[in-house]
N, C-alpha and C. Protein backbone atom coordinates (compact mmCIF):
# COMPACT_ATOMS: atom_id res chain seq x y z
N MET A 1 -5.22 9.93 -106.51
CA MET A 1 -4.00 10.65 -106.86
C MET A 1 -4.35 12.14 -107.02
N LYS A 2 -3.52 12.96 -106.46
CA LYS A 2 -3.74 14.40 -106.50
C LYS A 2 -3.22 14.99 -107.81
N THR A 3 -3.85 16.08 -108.23
CA THR A 3 -3.40 16.80 -109.43
C THR A 3 -2.18 17.65 -109.07
N GLU A 4 -1.54 18.16 -110.08
CA GLU A 4 -0.37 19.01 -109.85
C GLU A 4 -0.77 20.27 -109.07
N ASP A 5 -1.95 20.82 -109.37
CA ASP A 5 -2.41 22.00 -108.62
C ASP A 5 -2.61 21.67 -107.14
N GLN A 6 -3.12 20.49 -106.86
CA GLN A 6 -3.33 20.08 -105.47
C GLN A 6 -1.99 19.88 -104.75
N ILE A 7 -1.02 19.32 -105.45
CA ILE A 7 0.32 19.14 -104.87
C ILE A 7 0.95 20.51 -104.62
N ASN A 8 0.80 21.43 -105.57
CA ASN A 8 1.31 22.79 -105.38
C ASN A 8 0.68 23.44 -104.15
N HIS A 9 -0.61 23.20 -103.96
CA HIS A 9 -1.31 23.76 -102.80
C HIS A 9 -0.76 23.15 -101.51
N MET A 10 -0.51 21.85 -101.51
CA MET A 10 0.08 21.20 -100.33
C MET A 10 1.46 21.81 -100.03
N TYR A 11 2.24 21.98 -101.07
CA TYR A 11 3.59 22.56 -100.95
C TYR A 11 3.50 23.94 -100.31
N ASP A 12 2.63 24.78 -100.86
CA ASP A 12 2.46 26.14 -100.34
C ASP A 12 1.96 26.14 -98.90
N THR A 13 1.04 25.24 -98.59
CA THR A 13 0.48 25.16 -97.24
C THR A 13 1.55 24.75 -96.24
N ILE A 14 2.36 23.78 -96.59
CA ILE A 14 3.44 23.34 -95.70
C ILE A 14 4.36 24.51 -95.37
N LEU A 15 4.67 25.32 -96.37
CA LEU A 15 5.51 26.49 -96.13
C LEU A 15 4.78 27.55 -95.30
N GLU A 16 3.51 27.80 -95.62
CA GLU A 16 2.73 28.84 -94.92
C GLU A 16 2.60 28.55 -93.44
N ILE A 17 2.40 27.30 -93.08
CA ILE A 17 2.21 26.98 -91.66
C ILE A 17 3.54 26.72 -90.95
N GLY A 18 4.63 26.81 -91.69
CA GLY A 18 5.95 26.69 -91.08
C GLY A 18 6.33 25.28 -90.66
N LEU A 19 5.79 24.31 -91.36
CA LEU A 19 6.07 22.92 -91.03
C LEU A 19 7.53 22.57 -91.31
N CYS A 20 8.10 23.21 -92.31
CA CYS A 20 9.52 23.06 -92.60
C CYS A 20 9.97 24.28 -93.40
N THR A 21 11.24 24.39 -93.60
CA THR A 21 11.77 25.52 -94.36
C THR A 21 11.68 25.22 -95.86
N PHE A 22 11.81 26.26 -96.64
CA PHE A 22 11.83 26.12 -98.10
C PHE A 22 12.95 25.16 -98.51
N GLU A 23 14.11 25.32 -97.92
CA GLU A 23 15.26 24.49 -98.27
C GLU A 23 15.00 23.02 -97.95
N GLU A 24 14.39 22.75 -96.80
CA GLU A 24 14.07 21.37 -96.43
C GLU A 24 13.05 20.77 -97.40
N LEU A 25 12.05 21.55 -97.73
CA LEU A 25 11.02 21.09 -98.65
C LEU A 25 11.60 20.82 -100.03
N GLU A 26 12.47 21.70 -100.49
CA GLU A 26 13.13 21.49 -101.78
C GLU A 26 14.00 20.24 -101.76
N LEU A 27 14.71 20.00 -100.67
CA LEU A 27 15.56 18.81 -100.57
C LEU A 27 14.72 17.54 -100.62
N VAL A 28 13.65 17.49 -99.85
CA VAL A 28 12.80 16.30 -99.83
C VAL A 28 12.19 16.04 -101.20
N THR A 29 11.66 17.09 -101.84
CA THR A 29 11.03 16.88 -103.14
C THR A 29 12.06 16.58 -104.23
N CYS A 30 13.26 17.07 -104.07
CA CYS A 30 14.32 16.75 -105.04
C CYS A 30 14.70 15.27 -104.93
N ILE A 31 14.73 14.76 -103.72
CA ILE A 31 15.10 13.35 -103.51
C ILE A 31 13.93 12.41 -103.79
N ASN A 32 12.75 12.74 -103.26
CA ASN A 32 11.61 11.82 -103.30
C ASN A 32 10.59 12.13 -104.39
N GLY A 33 10.75 13.24 -105.08
CA GLY A 33 9.81 13.63 -106.12
C GLY A 33 8.78 14.61 -105.60
N PHE A 34 8.18 15.31 -106.54
CA PHE A 34 7.17 16.32 -106.22
C PHE A 34 5.81 15.64 -106.30
N ASN A 35 5.43 15.00 -105.18
CA ASN A 35 4.21 14.22 -105.18
C ASN A 35 3.55 14.24 -103.79
N GLU A 36 2.36 13.69 -103.73
CA GLU A 36 1.58 13.69 -102.48
C GLU A 36 2.30 12.93 -101.37
N LYS A 37 2.90 11.81 -101.70
CA LYS A 37 3.59 11.02 -100.68
C LYS A 37 4.72 11.81 -100.03
N ALA A 38 5.49 12.51 -100.83
CA ALA A 38 6.60 13.30 -100.28
C ALA A 38 6.07 14.38 -99.34
N MET A 39 4.97 15.03 -99.71
CA MET A 39 4.39 16.07 -98.85
C MET A 39 3.89 15.47 -97.54
N ASN A 40 3.21 14.34 -97.63
CA ASN A 40 2.70 13.70 -96.43
C ASN A 40 3.82 13.12 -95.57
N ASP A 41 4.91 12.69 -96.20
CA ASP A 41 6.07 12.21 -95.44
C ASP A 41 6.66 13.32 -94.58
N ILE A 42 6.67 14.53 -95.09
CA ILE A 42 7.16 15.68 -94.33
C ILE A 42 6.28 15.90 -93.10
N VAL A 43 4.97 15.84 -93.31
CA VAL A 43 4.02 16.02 -92.20
C VAL A 43 4.25 14.94 -91.15
N TYR A 44 4.41 13.70 -91.60
CA TYR A 44 4.60 12.59 -90.66
C TYR A 44 5.93 12.75 -89.89
N ALA A 45 6.97 13.10 -90.59
CA ALA A 45 8.27 13.24 -89.93
C ALA A 45 8.28 14.36 -88.90
N ARG A 46 7.58 15.44 -89.18
CA ARG A 46 7.56 16.59 -88.29
C ARG A 46 6.53 16.50 -87.16
N GLU A 47 5.34 15.97 -87.50
CA GLU A 47 4.23 16.05 -86.54
C GLU A 47 3.57 14.72 -86.20
N GLY A 48 3.88 13.68 -86.95
CA GLY A 48 3.32 12.37 -86.66
C GLY A 48 1.94 12.11 -87.24
N TYR A 49 1.43 13.01 -88.04
CA TYR A 49 0.15 12.81 -88.71
C TYR A 49 0.39 12.17 -90.07
N GLN A 50 -0.53 11.30 -90.49
CA GLN A 50 -0.36 10.57 -91.74
C GLN A 50 -0.51 11.45 -92.98
N THR A 51 -1.36 12.49 -92.87
CA THR A 51 -1.59 13.35 -94.03
C THR A 51 -1.60 14.82 -93.62
N LEU A 52 -1.40 15.68 -94.59
CA LEU A 52 -1.49 17.11 -94.34
C LEU A 52 -2.90 17.47 -93.92
N GLY A 53 -3.90 16.83 -94.52
CA GLY A 53 -5.28 17.09 -94.16
C GLY A 53 -5.57 16.80 -92.70
N GLN A 54 -5.04 15.71 -92.18
CA GLN A 54 -5.22 15.38 -90.76
C GLN A 54 -4.57 16.44 -89.87
N TYR A 55 -3.39 16.87 -90.25
CA TYR A 55 -2.69 17.87 -89.45
C TYR A 55 -3.43 19.20 -89.48
N LEU A 56 -3.93 19.60 -90.63
CA LEU A 56 -4.69 20.84 -90.73
C LEU A 56 -5.98 20.76 -89.92
N GLU A 57 -6.61 19.60 -89.91
CA GLU A 57 -7.81 19.41 -89.10
C GLU A 57 -7.48 19.61 -87.62
N TYR A 58 -6.37 19.03 -87.18
CA TYR A 58 -5.92 19.22 -85.80
C TYR A 58 -5.69 20.71 -85.50
N LEU A 59 -5.00 21.39 -86.39
CA LEU A 59 -4.73 22.82 -86.18
C LEU A 59 -6.04 23.60 -86.09
N ASN A 60 -6.99 23.28 -86.95
CA ASN A 60 -8.28 23.97 -86.94
C ASN A 60 -9.03 23.72 -85.63
N GLU A 61 -8.99 22.48 -85.15
CA GLU A 61 -9.64 22.15 -83.89
C GLU A 61 -9.03 22.92 -82.73
N GLN A 62 -7.73 23.17 -82.80
CA GLN A 62 -7.03 23.88 -81.75
C GLN A 62 -7.10 25.39 -81.93
N GLY A 63 -7.71 25.83 -83.03
CA GLY A 63 -7.79 27.25 -83.32
C GLY A 63 -6.47 27.86 -83.74
N LEU A 64 -5.59 27.02 -84.28
CA LEU A 64 -4.25 27.47 -84.64
C LEU A 64 -4.08 27.74 -86.13
N HIS A 65 -5.10 27.45 -86.91
CA HIS A 65 -4.99 27.70 -88.35
C HIS A 65 -6.32 28.14 -88.90
């Protein structure tokens, strides 16, 4: 289980890389809670990766992040 600081970092990272808009992220976390699962669900819905870490690894491999 991730700490609140780690969840905040996931939240900020999702916004920084443009995975979704602030409004979309707020809507998802308002409905599903501010937790690791909600963050990873956004990644899965947008890009098909199971976790934010997997998606960031892909971006790094491609030289995109």
